[in-house]
């Protein structure tokens, strides 16, 4: 039987599963793969493209953004335990985001007698075990084909998630038998049976009889076909929809859109307050838990295919009805049951509810627009005015990558997204998301405009030097907009409470470690990486600066706008 090296087997398995890119930072253990791919591509043979990331955390974040655009499995490579440690919070983001990434890392001194403080054998997988679906240390006598196949299957079976494989470097240079590798399906595989019809019927009856039903959508938009299906369900029920900060689950301008869930942002609203029944679909409690809660008497119907959701508290309580199901099937099935059971009287009642919700939605959007316009001349620049201007200069196909805490409301209120895949956010708590995800999204969709919107803290965490260099090197230009309030505003507010009636002065804020003053010149950071960089402090300059920056992006140059905004 014909044989080839393990590195070739690795490449062939990735080819069979449609992996287009490997985001990586090199180490001695990955050299055989780098050489193999280089030889393959030089010879005109198919192989994933190697994308060099100057920081390991970027590898994971870029893969995260790429998946959210393409829906395809991702592979990253990191250098042994050191690279594994460096990926850090980006792995937690992938776990919370249900992102199927295979993290491939060499074993540091495989078979060494190292022990931990408990005198237990050193286990490299322990570094990541709390943040993956599966971790495995490949034994030298295992078949690399079988292990990789299993990794893809686990990562890409719903609920999707990252897996970690630690390998002894010797397996990449040893000869093994060449085998035919069956490809994995290109769509995520459901891990559940069809939804229980009796439970769906029970849920339908409760929703039909509810006076103020509310739909809460978390991850449904990861399957683009679920967005129009959710619209049909909402319109059948004439129920408002709250969508998450993570995916574009429901068109923001639709009359039934009640807004995007805020996680401790500056606007104190409770979208759940009036709901007597909540239909919660593909939803986990966010990492930064909202301060608002449904009423104690509100019933909760939860549809999710994650068996871990069973018994997991939602807003400090369980669900009244839990339906373990794939929402791609459950949403249209529930819609059909409701349609069949609606009486003429109910249809009339629902239409009246629709008119009220439509009027409320229109007034809400008009209010947000008026708010932005009222702050057009305000100094420091208003986040609402900035985001209003962003919305004016991008098209409906542009992809927004966002991670915010304090100024999140202006982003989702002033930059409406209406198409599936045009808004991607971070479900985890590591603020490094928006910059690297924008790079990954641009690699995935080179013909689309990609805009990263994040805070100054998020920009720093995103390894801007590594990200901007990689974006320039691989011709993946995007626009990064920094909402720079020169500090950690949520933490500042918490510190202010500790001071009580005494005002938190600039000196005490510095001593408390909540301000970033004087801030770095982020525009110069961008320029040092070959990108366009500009600081904006005058509200009159916002629109011209945005147009100039986007013009640079169209010319193939990454751009950074450091916009100094008000602190709310």
Protein backbone atom coordinates (compact mmCIF):
# COMPACT_ATOMS: atom_id res chain seq x y z
CA UNK A 1 0.00 0.00 0.00
CA UNK A 2 1.20 3.51 -0.80
CA UNK A 3 2.47 5.48 2.18
CA UNK A 4 2.96 9.13 3.00
CA UNK A 5 4.06 11.23 5.96
CA UNK A 6 1.71 12.22 8.74
CA UNK A 7 1.94 15.88 7.69
CA UNK A 8 0.52 14.95 4.28
CA UNK A 9 -2.24 12.97 5.96
CA UNK A 10 -3.08 16.05 8.05
CA UNK A 11 -3.38 18.16 4.89
CA UNK A 12 -5.50 15.57 3.08
CA UNK A 13 -7.97 15.30 5.96
CA UNK A 14 -8.34 19.09 6.00
CA UNK A 15 -8.85 19.07 2.22
CA UNK A 16 -11.60 16.48 2.58
CA UNK A 17 -13.41 18.66 5.10
CA UNK A 18 -13.28 21.84 3.04
CA UNK A 19 -10.85 23.75 5.26
CA UNK A 20 -9.71 26.76 3.23
CA UNK A 21 -7.28 28.43 5.64
CA UNK A 22 -5.14 27.57 8.62
CA UNK A 23 -4.66 30.53 10.95
CA UNK A 24 -1.42 29.84 12.78
CA UNK A 25 1.61 31.03 14.66
CA UNK A 26 4.62 28.81 13.96
CA UNK A 27 6.63 26.60 16.25
CA UNK A 28 9.06 23.77 15.78
CA UNK A 29 6.26 21.18 15.94
CA UNK A 30 4.33 22.68 12.99
CA UNK A 31 7.26 22.98 10.55
CA UNK A 32 6.50 19.66 8.74
CA UNK A 33 2.97 20.91 8.01
CA UNK A 34 4.25 24.28 6.82
CA UNK A 35 6.72 22.61 4.48
CA UNK A 36 4.13 20.14 3.17
CA UNK A 37 1.59 22.84 2.39
CA UNK A 38 4.24 24.98 0.72
CA UNK A 39 5.24 22.05 -1.50
CA UNK A 40 1.61 21.20 -2.31
CA UNK A 41 0.75 24.73 -3.36
CA UNK A 42 3.97 25.19 -5.34
CA UNK A 43 3.08 22.04 -7.27
CA UNK A 44 -0.45 23.25 -7.93
CA UNK A 45 -1.99 20.70 -5.58
CA UNK A 46 -4.91 21.58 -3.35
CA UNK A 47 -4.04 22.55 0.22
CA UNK A 48 -5.36 25.03 2.79
CA UNK A 49 -3.73 28.42 2.75
CA UNK A 50 -1.43 29.17 5.67
CA UNK A 51 -2.22 32.56 7.21
CA UNK A 52 0.54 33.74 9.50
CA UNK A 53 -0.74 35.49 12.61
CA UNK A 54 1.82 37.29 14.75
CA UNK A 55 -0.05 36.44 17.94
CA UNK A 56 -1.79 33.15 18.79
CA UNK A 57 -4.89 34.88 20.11
CA UNK A 58 -5.47 36.28 16.61
CA UNK A 59 -5.52 32.75 15.17
CA UNK A 60 -8.59 31.84 17.20
CA UNK A 61 -10.39 35.16 16.78
CA UNK A 62 -9.84 35.18 13.02
CA UNK A 63 -11.16 31.61 12.77
CA UNK A 64 -14.14 32.73 14.88
CA UNK A 65 -14.98 35.56 12.47
CA UNK A 66 -14.38 33.38 9.41
CA UNK A 67 -16.81 30.73 10.68
CA UNK A 68 -19.51 33.30 11.41
CA UNK A 69 -19.42 34.31 7.74
CA UNK A 70 -18.90 30.93 6.04
CA UNK A 71 -20.31 28.33 8.46
CA UNK A 72 -17.32 26.11 7.64
CA UNK A 73 -15.09 24.25 10.14
CA UNK A 74 -11.91 26.03 11.14
CA UNK A 75 -8.39 24.88 12.01
CA UNK A 76 -5.76 26.85 13.89
CA UNK A 77 -2.22 25.84 14.87
CA UNK A 78 -0.41 27.00 17.99
CA UNK A 79 3.04 26.31 19.35
CA UNK A 80 2.80 23.66 22.05
CA UNK A 81 1.79 24.69 25.57
CA UNK A 82 3.11 28.24 25.16
CA UNK A 83 0.92 28.96 22.14
CA UNK A 84 -2.00 27.24 23.83
CA UNK A 85 -1.69 29.55 26.81
CA UNK A 86 -1.41 32.56 24.54
CA UNK A 87 -4.73 31.85 22.77
CA UNK A 88 -6.31 32.65 26.13
CA UNK A 89 -9.70 34.32 26.23
CA UNK A 90 -10.25 33.89 22.50
CA UNK A 91 -10.91 30.20 23.18
CA UNK A 92 -13.56 31.04 25.77
CA UNK A 93 -15.21 33.31 23.20
CA UNK A 94 -15.31 30.41 20.73
CA UNK A 95 -16.85 28.15 23.36
CA UNK A 96 -19.58 30.66 24.25
CA UNK A 97 -20.12 31.37 20.55
CA UNK A 98 -20.50 27.68 19.62
CA UNK A 99 -17.71 27.98 17.06
CA UNK A 100 -16.29 24.73 15.60
CA UNK A 101 -12.53 25.22 15.64
CA UNK A 102 -9.90 22.50 15.79
CA UNK A 103 -6.95 23.77 17.78
CA UNK A 104 -3.85 21.79 16.78
CA UNK A 105 -0.85 22.12 19.11
CA UNK A 106 2.35 20.17 19.53
CA UNK A 107 3.17 18.42 22.77
CA UNK A 108 5.90 20.07 24.78
CA UNK A 109 8.40 17.35 25.64
CA UNK A 110 6.03 14.42 25.08
CA UNK A 111 6.56 11.63 27.58
CA UNK A 112 8.50 13.85 29.98
CA UNK A 113 8.36 13.19 33.74
CA UNK A 114 6.93 16.65 34.51
CA UNK A 115 4.31 16.80 37.26
CA UNK A 116 2.06 19.50 38.63
CA UNK A 117 1.86 20.71 42.22
CA UNK A 118 -0.40 17.78 43.09
CA UNK A 119 2.34 15.45 41.85
CA UNK A 120 0.09 14.38 38.99
CA UNK A 121 1.52 13.77 35.50
CA UNK A 122 1.59 16.94 33.41
CA UNK A 123 -1.52 17.13 31.22
CA UNK A 124 -1.40 19.80 28.49
CA UNK A 125 -5.11 19.41 27.82
CA UNK A 126 -5.91 20.76 31.28
CA UNK A 127 -5.03 24.23 29.98
CA UNK A 128 -8.14 24.24 27.80
CA UNK A 129 -10.44 21.56 29.22
CA UNK A 130 -13.04 23.96 30.64
CA UNK A 131 -13.44 25.73 27.28
CA UNK A 132 -13.71 22.95 24.68
CA UNK A 133 -16.10 20.17 23.67
CA UNK A 134 -13.28 17.63 23.61
CA UNK A 135 -9.55 17.55 24.17
CA UNK A 136 -7.26 14.70 23.27
CA UNK A 137 -3.56 13.96 23.44
CA UNK A 138 -2.68 11.89 20.40
CA UNK A 139 -0.69 8.77 21.17
CA UNK A 140 2.18 7.84 18.87
CA UNK A 141 0.44 4.62 17.84
CA UNK A 142 -2.88 6.28 16.95
CA UNK A 143 -3.97 6.83 13.36
CA UNK A 144 -3.90 10.54 12.52
CA UNK A 145 -6.77 10.07 10.03
CA UNK A 146 -9.10 8.61 12.65
CA UNK A 147 -8.29 11.19 15.31
CA UNK A 148 -8.79 14.14 12.97
CA UNK A 149 -12.02 12.67 11.61
CA UNK A 150 -13.34 12.34 15.14
CA UNK A 151 -12.27 15.90 15.95
CA UNK A 152 -14.17 17.31 12.96
CA UNK A 153 -17.23 15.25 13.82
CA UNK A 154 -17.28 16.45 17.44
CA UNK A 155 -16.57 20.08 16.60
CA UNK A 156 -19.18 20.24 13.85
CA UNK A 157 -21.98 18.32 15.52
CA UNK A 158 -24.55 20.72 16.99
CA UNK A 159 -24.12 22.31 19.39
CA UNK A 160 -20.83 23.14 17.70
CA UNK A 161 -17.72 24.09 19.61
CA UNK A 162 -13.92 24.05 19.73
CA UNK A 163 -11.83 20.94 20.20
CA UNK A 164 -8.18 20.63 21.17
CA UNK A 165 -5.67 18.14 19.81
CA UNK A 166 -2.15 17.90 21.26
CA UNK A 167 0.18 15.80 19.11
CA UNK A 168 3.68 14.37 19.44
CA UNK A 169 5.73 16.05 16.67
CA UNK A 170 7.07 12.67 15.50
CA UNK A 171 3.68 11.69 14.00
CA UNK A 172 4.10 14.32 11.28
CA UNK A 173 7.26 12.77 9.83
CA UNK A 174 6.46 9.08 10.27
CA UNK A 175 5.18 7.11 7.27
CA UNK A 176 1.60 5.81 7.35
CA UNK A 177 -0.69 4.11 4.86
CA UNK A 178 -2.52 6.41 2.47
CA UNK A 179 -6.29 6.00 2.76
CA UNK A 180 -9.35 7.49 1.07
CA UNK A 181 -10.84 10.07 3.39
CA UNK A 182 -14.64 10.51 3.38
CA UNK A 183 -15.64 14.19 3.51
CA UNK A 184 -17.72 15.67 6.30
CA UNK A 185 -21.06 17.23 5.39
CA UNK A 186 -20.69 20.96 4.73
CA UNK A 187 -23.50 21.87 7.11
CA UNK A 188 -23.58 21.40 10.85
CA UNK A 189 -25.06 18.08 11.89
CA UNK A 190 -27.91 18.05 14.40
CA UNK A 191 -27.34 15.91 17.45
CA UNK A 192 -31.04 15.58 18.29
CA UNK A 193 -34.12 13.81 17.03
CA UNK A 194 -36.97 15.90 15.54
CA UNK A 195 -38.81 18.12 17.99
CA UNK A 196 -41.43 16.45 20.17
CA UNK A 197 -44.76 17.26 18.50
CA UNK A 198 -46.70 17.13 21.78
CA UNK A 199 -44.37 19.67 23.37
CA UNK A 200 -44.56 21.92 20.32
CA UNK A 201 -48.35 21.70 20.46
CA UNK A 202 -48.33 22.58 24.14
CA UNK A 203 -46.05 25.53 23.43
CA UNK A 204 -48.29 26.67 20.58
CA UNK A 205 -51.38 26.71 22.81
CA UNK A 206 -49.60 28.77 25.47
CA UNK A 207 -48.31 31.25 22.90
CA UNK A 208 -51.71 31.63 21.21
CA UNK A 209 -53.38 32.40 24.54
CA UNK A 210 -50.66 34.78 25.73
CA UNK A 211 -51.51 38.46 25.85
CA UNK A 212 -47.93 39.68 25.53
CA UNK A 213 -45.70 36.94 24.09
CA UNK A 214 -42.06 37.77 23.44
CA UNK A 215 -39.57 35.85 21.30
CA UNK A 216 -35.92 35.91 22.39
CA UNK A 217 -33.43 34.69 19.76
CA UNK A 218 -29.83 33.89 20.59
CA UNK A 219 -27.98 31.83 17.95
CA UNK A 220 -30.65 31.18 15.32
CA UNK A 221 -28.96 33.44 12.75
CA UNK A 222 -25.97 31.11 12.51
CA UNK A 223 -28.11 29.29 9.96
CA UNK A 224 -29.07 31.99 7.48
CA UNK A 225 -32.26 30.19 6.46
CA UNK A 226 -33.51 30.53 10.03
CA UNK A 227 -33.79 34.32 9.77
CA UNK A 228 -36.75 34.36 7.32
CA UNK A 229 -38.26 31.38 9.17
CA UNK A 230 -38.17 33.35 12.42
CA UNK A 231 -39.75 36.33 10.66
CA UNK A 232 -42.62 34.09 9.52
CA UNK A 233 -43.12 32.73 13.04
CA UNK A 234 -43.13 36.23 14.56
CA UNK A 235 -45.57 37.50 11.95
CA UNK A 236 -47.87 34.52 12.45
CA UNK A 237 -47.93 35.11 16.19
CA UNK A 238 -47.66 38.92 15.88
CA UNK A 239 -45.09 38.79 18.68
CA UNK A 240 -42.10 41.10 19.18
CA UNK A 241 -38.58 39.71 18.92
CA UNK A 242 -35.51 40.52 20.99
CA UNK A 243 -32.35 39.50 19.16
CA UNK A 244 -28.91 38.94 20.66
CA UNK A 245 -25.62 40.83 20.40
CA UNK A 246 -24.08 37.77 18.75
CA UNK A 247 -25.91 37.14 15.46
CA UNK A 248 -28.27 38.95 13.09
CA UNK A 249 -31.22 36.74 14.00
CA UNK A 250 -34.02 39.11 13.02
CA UNK A 251 -34.02 42.24 10.80
CA UNK A 252 -33.52 45.24 13.06
CA UNK A 253 -35.88 47.41 11.02
CA UNK A 254 -38.76 44.92 11.00
CA UNK A 255 -41.88 46.28 12.77
CA UNK A 256 -41.77 43.35 15.21
CA UNK A 257 -38.13 43.86 16.21
CA UNK A 258 -38.19 45.00 19.83
CA UNK A 259 -34.45 45.66 19.85
CA UNK A 260 -31.11 44.03 20.50
CA UNK A 261 -30.48 42.67 23.97
CA UNK A 262 -28.18 44.91 25.99
CA UNK A 263 -25.67 43.41 28.39
CA UNK A 264 -25.04 46.13 31.02
CA UNK A 265 -24.97 48.94 28.53
CA UNK A 266 -25.71 52.60 29.10
CA UNK A 267 -29.45 52.41 28.38
CA UNK A 268 -31.39 50.97 31.29
CA UNK A 269 -34.37 49.21 29.75
CA UNK A 270 -36.17 45.96 30.51
CA UNK A 271 -37.50 44.43 27.27
CA UNK A 272 -38.89 41.48 29.24
CA UNK A 273 -40.98 43.51 31.68
CA UNK A 274 -44.39 43.19 29.99
CA UNK A 275 -44.04 39.66 28.61
CA UNK A 276 -46.30 36.99 30.05
CA UNK A 277 -44.74 34.24 27.89
CA UNK A 278 -41.18 34.12 26.58
CA UNK A 279 -40.33 31.87 23.63
CA UNK A 280 -36.56 31.51 24.00
CA UNK A 281 -34.78 29.98 20.98
CA UNK A 282 -31.11 28.91 20.84
CA UNK A 283 -30.27 31.07 23.79
CA UNK A 284 -27.65 30.97 26.52
CA UNK A 285 -27.28 33.51 29.28
CA UNK A 286 -24.60 35.93 28.02
CA UNK A 287 -21.20 36.12 29.65
CA UNK A 288 -21.95 39.67 30.80
CA UNK A 289 -25.36 38.94 32.28
CA UNK A 290 -28.10 41.48 31.68
CA UNK A 291 -29.41 43.32 34.72
CA UNK A 292 -33.01 42.93 33.51
CA UNK A 293 -35.24 39.97 34.28
CA UNK A 294 -38.61 38.63 33.11
CA UNK A 295 -41.47 38.95 35.55
CA UNK A 296 -41.77 36.14 38.11
CA UNK A 297 -45.10 34.99 36.64
CA UNK A 298 -43.90 34.89 33.04
CA UNK A 299 -43.78 31.44 31.49
CA UNK A 300 -40.61 30.40 29.64
CA UNK A 301 -40.61 28.07 26.64
CA UNK A 302 -37.05 27.13 25.69
CA UNK A 303 -36.07 25.55 22.35
CA UNK A 304 -32.44 24.50 22.03
CA UNK A 305 -30.47 21.50 20.80
CA UNK A 306 -27.83 21.80 23.49
CA UNK A 307 -28.64 19.09 26.04
CA UNK A 308 -26.63 21.11 28.58
CA UNK A 309 -29.40 23.71 28.42
CA UNK A 310 -31.71 21.30 30.21
CA UNK A 311 -31.85 22.55 33.78
CA UNK A 312 -29.52 25.46 33.07
CA UNK A 313 -31.04 28.49 34.74
CA UNK A 314 -32.42 31.24 32.54
CA UNK A 315 -32.61 34.52 34.42
CA UNK A 316 -32.11 32.60 37.69
CA UNK A 317 -34.87 30.11 36.91
CA UNK A 318 -35.56 27.11 34.71
CA UNK A 319 -37.89 26.87 31.74
CA UNK A 320 -41.53 25.80 32.04
CA UNK A 321 -41.28 23.85 28.79
CA UNK A 322 -37.95 22.66 27.41
CA UNK A 323 -37.89 21.37 23.82
CA UNK A 324 -34.62 19.79 22.74
CA UNK A 325 -34.65 20.41 19.01
CA UNK A 326 -32.83 21.88 16.05
CA UNK A 327 -34.38 25.31 15.53
CA UNK A 328 -34.06 24.92 11.76
CA UNK A 329 -36.85 22.36 12.06
CA UNK A 330 -38.60 23.55 15.22
CA UNK A 331 -39.28 27.14 14.10
CA UNK A 332 -41.25 26.27 10.93
CA UNK A 333 -42.95 23.34 12.69
CA UNK A 334 -44.14 25.61 15.52
CA UNK A 335 -45.25 28.24 13.01
CA UNK A 336 -47.35 25.66 11.13
CA UNK A 337 -49.03 24.42 14.31
CA UNK A 338 -49.91 27.96 15.35
CA UNK A 339 -51.25 28.80 11.87
CA UNK A 340 -53.51 25.75 11.85
CA UNK A 341 -55.00 26.60 15.25
CA UNK A 342 -55.70 30.29 14.81
CA UNK A 343 -59.38 31.18 14.83
CA UNK A 344 -60.69 34.24 12.98
CA UNK A 345 -61.11 35.97 16.34
CA UNK A 346 -57.47 35.30 17.26
CA UNK A 347 -56.27 36.50 13.88
CA UNK A 348 -58.12 39.77 14.37
CA UNK A 349 -56.70 40.11 17.89
CA UNK A 350 -53.18 39.42 16.61
CA UNK A 351 -53.51 42.01 13.85
CA UNK A 352 -54.44 44.64 16.42
CA UNK A 353 -51.36 43.67 18.40
CA UNK A 354 -49.24 43.96 15.26
CA UNK A 355 -50.46 47.52 14.63
CA UNK A 356 -49.60 48.53 18.19
CA UNK A 357 -46.14 46.96 17.95
CA UNK A 358 -45.53 48.55 14.56
CA UNK A 359 -46.37 51.98 15.94
CA UNK A 360 -44.16 51.40 18.97
CA UNK A 361 -41.28 50.25 16.76
CA UNK A 362 -41.59 53.26 14.48
CA UNK A 363 -41.60 55.68 17.40
CA UNK A 364 -38.59 53.90 18.86
CA UNK A 365 -36.56 54.22 15.66
CA UNK A 366 -37.63 57.83 15.20
CA UNK A 367 -36.52 58.53 18.75
CA UNK A 368 -33.10 56.99 18.15
CA UNK A 369 -32.69 59.03 14.97
CA UNK A 370 -33.69 62.23 16.75
CA UNK A 371 -31.25 61.45 19.55
CA UNK A 372 -28.37 61.09 17.09
CA UNK A 373 -29.24 64.27 15.23
CA UNK A 374 -29.56 66.24 18.47
CA UNK A 375 -25.94 65.35 19.24
CA UNK A 376 -24.47 66.14 15.83
CA UNK A 377 -22.50 69.10 17.23
CA UNK A 378 -21.71 67.72 20.69
CA UNK A 379 -18.12 67.61 21.96
CA UNK A 380 -16.77 65.14 22.91
CA UNK A 381 -18.35 63.20 20.06
CA UNK A 382 -21.54 61.32 20.88
CA UNK A 383 -21.50 57.57 20.23
CA UNK A 384 -25.01 57.93 18.82
CA UNK A 385 -23.88 60.51 16.28
CA UNK A 386 -20.84 58.42 15.31
CA UNK A 387 -22.90 55.26 14.81
CA UNK A 388 -25.57 57.16 12.89
CA UNK A 389 -22.83 58.33 10.52
CA UNK A 390 -21.44 54.78 10.18
CA UNK A 391 -24.87 53.59 9.12
CA UNK A 392 -25.04 56.32 6.48
CA UNK A 393 -21.75 55.38 4.79
CA UNK A 394 -22.09 51.57 4.62
CA UNK A 395 -24.37 49.45 2.45
CA UNK A 396 -26.81 46.74 3.51
CA UNK A 397 -24.32 43.98 2.69
CA UNK A 398 -21.52 45.36 4.86
CA UNK A 399 -20.48 43.13 7.76
CA UNK A 400 -20.25 44.70 11.21
CA UNK A 401 -18.10 42.94 13.81
CA UNK A 402 -18.76 44.33 17.25
CA UNK A 403 -17.96 43.89 20.87
CA UNK A 404 -19.08 46.55 23.31
CA UNK A 405 -19.99 46.89 26.95
CA UNK A 406 -20.61 50.52 27.88
CA UNK A 407 -21.50 52.09 24.47
CA UNK A 408 -23.22 49.04 23.01
CA UNK A 409 -26.71 50.55 22.66
CA UNK A 410 -25.72 53.20 20.06
CA UNK A 411 -24.09 50.51 17.90
CA UNK A 412 -27.16 48.28 17.69
CA UNK A 413 -29.72 51.09 17.64
CA UNK A 414 -28.05 53.39 15.13
CA UNK A 415 -26.51 50.76 12.79
CA UNK A 416 -29.44 48.52 11.85
CA UNK A 417 -28.68 45.25 10.09
CA UNK A 418 -31.30 43.50 8.01
CA UNK A 419 -29.52 40.68 6.17
CA UNK A 420 -28.30 37.38 7.64
CA UNK A 421 -24.59 37.37 8.35
CA UNK A 422 -24.19 41.16 8.38
CA UNK A 423 -23.78 41.49 12.15
CA UNK A 424 -21.44 39.25 14.12
CA UNK A 425 -20.71 39.71 17.79
CA UNK A 426 -19.10 37.98 20.71
CA UNK A 427 -20.97 35.83 23.22
CA UNK A 428 -17.95 35.45 25.50
CA UNK A 429 -16.31 37.93 27.81
CA UNK A 430 -12.89 38.46 26.22
CA UNK A 431 -12.99 41.90 24.62
CA UNK A 432 -10.36 41.07 21.99
CA UNK A 433 -13.02 39.97 19.51
CA UNK A 434 -13.91 42.70 17.02
CA UNK A 435 -10.58 43.38 15.32
CA UNK A 436 -9.50 39.78 14.68
CA UNK A 437 -13.04 38.72 13.78
CA UNK A 438 -13.15 41.49 11.17
CA UNK A 439 -9.94 40.16 9.65
CA UNK A 440 -11.35 36.62 9.56
CA UNK A 441 -14.61 37.90 8.08
CA UNK A 442 -12.76 39.77 5.34
CA UNK A 443 -10.74 36.67 4.46
CA UNK A 444 -14.08 34.84 4.20
CA UNK A 445 -15.86 37.57 2.21
CA UNK A 446 -13.23 39.54 0.27
CA UNK A 447 -15.81 41.38 -1.84
CA UNK A 448 -17.72 42.79 1.14
CA UNK A 449 -17.03 45.84 3.27
CA UNK A 450 -16.11 44.78 6.80
CA UNK A 451 -16.21 47.23 9.70
CA UNK A 452 -14.92 46.49 13.18
CA UNK A 453 -16.55 48.53 15.95
CA UNK A 454 -15.01 48.26 19.38
CA UNK A 455 -13.84 50.22 22.40
CA UNK A 456 -10.32 51.44 23.11
CA UNK A 457 -9.88 48.59 25.58
CA UNK A 458 -11.10 46.11 22.96
CA UNK A 459 -8.70 47.53 20.37
CA UNK A 460 -5.73 47.10 22.69
CA UNK A 461 -6.75 43.55 23.62
CA UNK A 462 -7.15 42.67 19.93
CA UNK A 463 -3.38 42.72 19.33
CA UNK A 464 -3.65 45.56 16.77
CA UNK A 465 -0.05 45.29 15.55
CA UNK A 466 -0.43 41.57 14.81
CA UNK A 467 -3.89 41.99 13.30
CA UNK A 468 -3.21 45.01 11.10
CA UNK A 469 0.07 43.56 9.82
CA UNK A 470 -1.67 40.31 8.90
CA UNK A 471 -4.57 42.16 7.25
CA UNK A 472 -2.10 44.14 5.11
CA UNK A 473 0.06 41.12 4.31
CA UNK A 474 -2.89 38.98 3.16
CA UNK A 475 -4.78 41.75 1.35
CA UNK A 476 -7.75 41.64 3.71
CA UNK A 477 -8.42 45.33 4.41
CA UNK A 478 -11.15 46.35 6.81
CA UNK A 479 -12.10 49.48 8.72
CA UNK A 480 -11.60 49.51 12.49
CA UNK A 481 -13.52 52.19 14.37
CA UNK A 482 -12.52 52.76 17.99
CA UNK A 483 -15.15 54.24 20.29
CA UNK A 484 -12.50 55.71 22.54
CA UNK A 485 -13.83 56.86 25.91
CA UNK A 486 -10.30 56.62 27.35
CA UNK A 487 -11.01 54.10 30.03
CA UNK A 488 -12.91 51.12 31.35
CA UNK A 489 -16.22 52.90 31.76
CA UNK A 490 -18.27 50.10 33.35
CA UNK A 491 -15.50 49.51 35.91
CA UNK A 492 -15.27 53.26 36.45
CA UNK A 493 -18.98 53.37 37.30
CA UNK A 494 -18.51 50.54 39.77
CA UNK A 495 -15.59 52.38 41.37
CA UNK A 496 -17.69 55.54 41.56
CA UNK A 497 -20.29 53.67 43.60
CA UNK A 498 -17.53 52.75 46.03
CA UNK A 499 -16.69 56.42 46.42
CA UNK A 500 -20.29 57.21 47.28
CA UNK A 501 -21.08 60.92 47.21
CA UNK A 502 -17.46 61.85 46.61
CA UNK A 503 -16.69 62.48 42.96
CA UNK A 504 -14.12 60.21 41.34
CA UNK A 505 -11.45 62.71 40.27
CA UNK A 506 -8.97 62.14 37.44
CA UNK A 507 -6.26 61.49 40.02
CA UNK A 508 -8.35 59.00 42.01
CA UNK A 509 -9.52 57.34 38.78
CA UNK A 510 -5.90 56.82 37.78
CA UNK A 511 -5.07 55.42 41.21
CA UNK A 512 -8.06 53.09 40.91
CA UNK A 513 -6.87 51.89 37.50
CA UNK A 514 -10.03 52.71 35.54
CA UNK A 515 -8.81 55.37 33.09
CA UNK A 516 -6.50 55.06 30.07
CA UNK A 517 -5.13 58.60 30.17
CA UNK A 518 -3.33 59.91 28.30
CA UNK A 519 -4.36 57.33 25.71
CA UNK A 520 -1.97 55.85 23.16
CA UNK A 521 -2.13 57.34 19.68
CA UNK A 522 -3.93 54.47 17.95
CA UNK A 523 -3.75 56.21 14.58
CA UNK A 524 0.05 56.08 14.77
CA UNK A 525 -0.12 52.40 15.73
CA UNK A 526 -2.09 51.81 12.53
CA UNK A 527 0.37 53.79 10.42
CA UNK A 528 3.29 51.83 11.84
CA UNK A 529 1.65 48.68 10.45
CA UNK A 530 1.16 50.12 6.97
CA UNK A 531 -2.49 50.97 7.60
CA UNK A 532 -4.34 54.25 7.35
CA UNK A 533 -4.81 55.91 10.75
CA UNK A 534 -6.65 59.04 11.82
CA UNK A 535 -7.79 60.53 15.10
CA UNK A 536 -11.21 62.23 15.14
CA UNK A 537 -12.21 64.68 17.87
CA UNK A 538 -14.59 67.10 16.11
CA UNK A 539 -18.12 65.82 15.32
CA UNK A 540 -18.02 67.73 12.03
CA UNK A 541 -15.10 65.56 10.94
CA UNK A 542 -16.84 62.22 11.57
CA UNK A 543 -18.52 61.83 8.18
CA UNK A 544 -15.52 62.99 6.09
CA UNK A 545 -13.20 60.76 8.12
CA UNK A 546 -15.43 57.73 7.59
CA UNK A 547 -15.56 58.34 3.83
CA UNK A 548 -11.79 58.80 3.61
CA UNK A 549 -11.17 55.64 5.63
CA UNK A 550 -13.53 53.55 3.52
CA UNK A 551 -11.87 54.89 0.40
CA UNK A 552 -8.55 53.61 1.77
CA UNK A 553 -10.11 50.21 2.42
CA UNK A 554 -11.41 50.06 -1.15
CA UNK A 555 -7.83 50.68 -2.28
CA UNK A 556 -6.69 47.66 -0.29
CA UNK A 557 -5.35 49.41 2.81
CA UNK A 558 -6.64 48.60 6.32
CA UNK A 559 -7.86 51.70 8.15
CA UNK A 560 -8.25 52.75 11.78
CA UNK A 561 -10.32 55.66 13.05
CA UNK A 562 -9.64 56.62 16.66
CA UNK A 563 -12.81 58.50 17.57
CA UNK A 564 -12.71 60.27 20.94
CA UNK A 565 -16.24 59.94 22.32
CA UNK A 566 -18.06 61.17 25.37
CA UNK A 567 -18.01 59.08 28.52
CA UNK A 568 -21.58 58.25 29.49
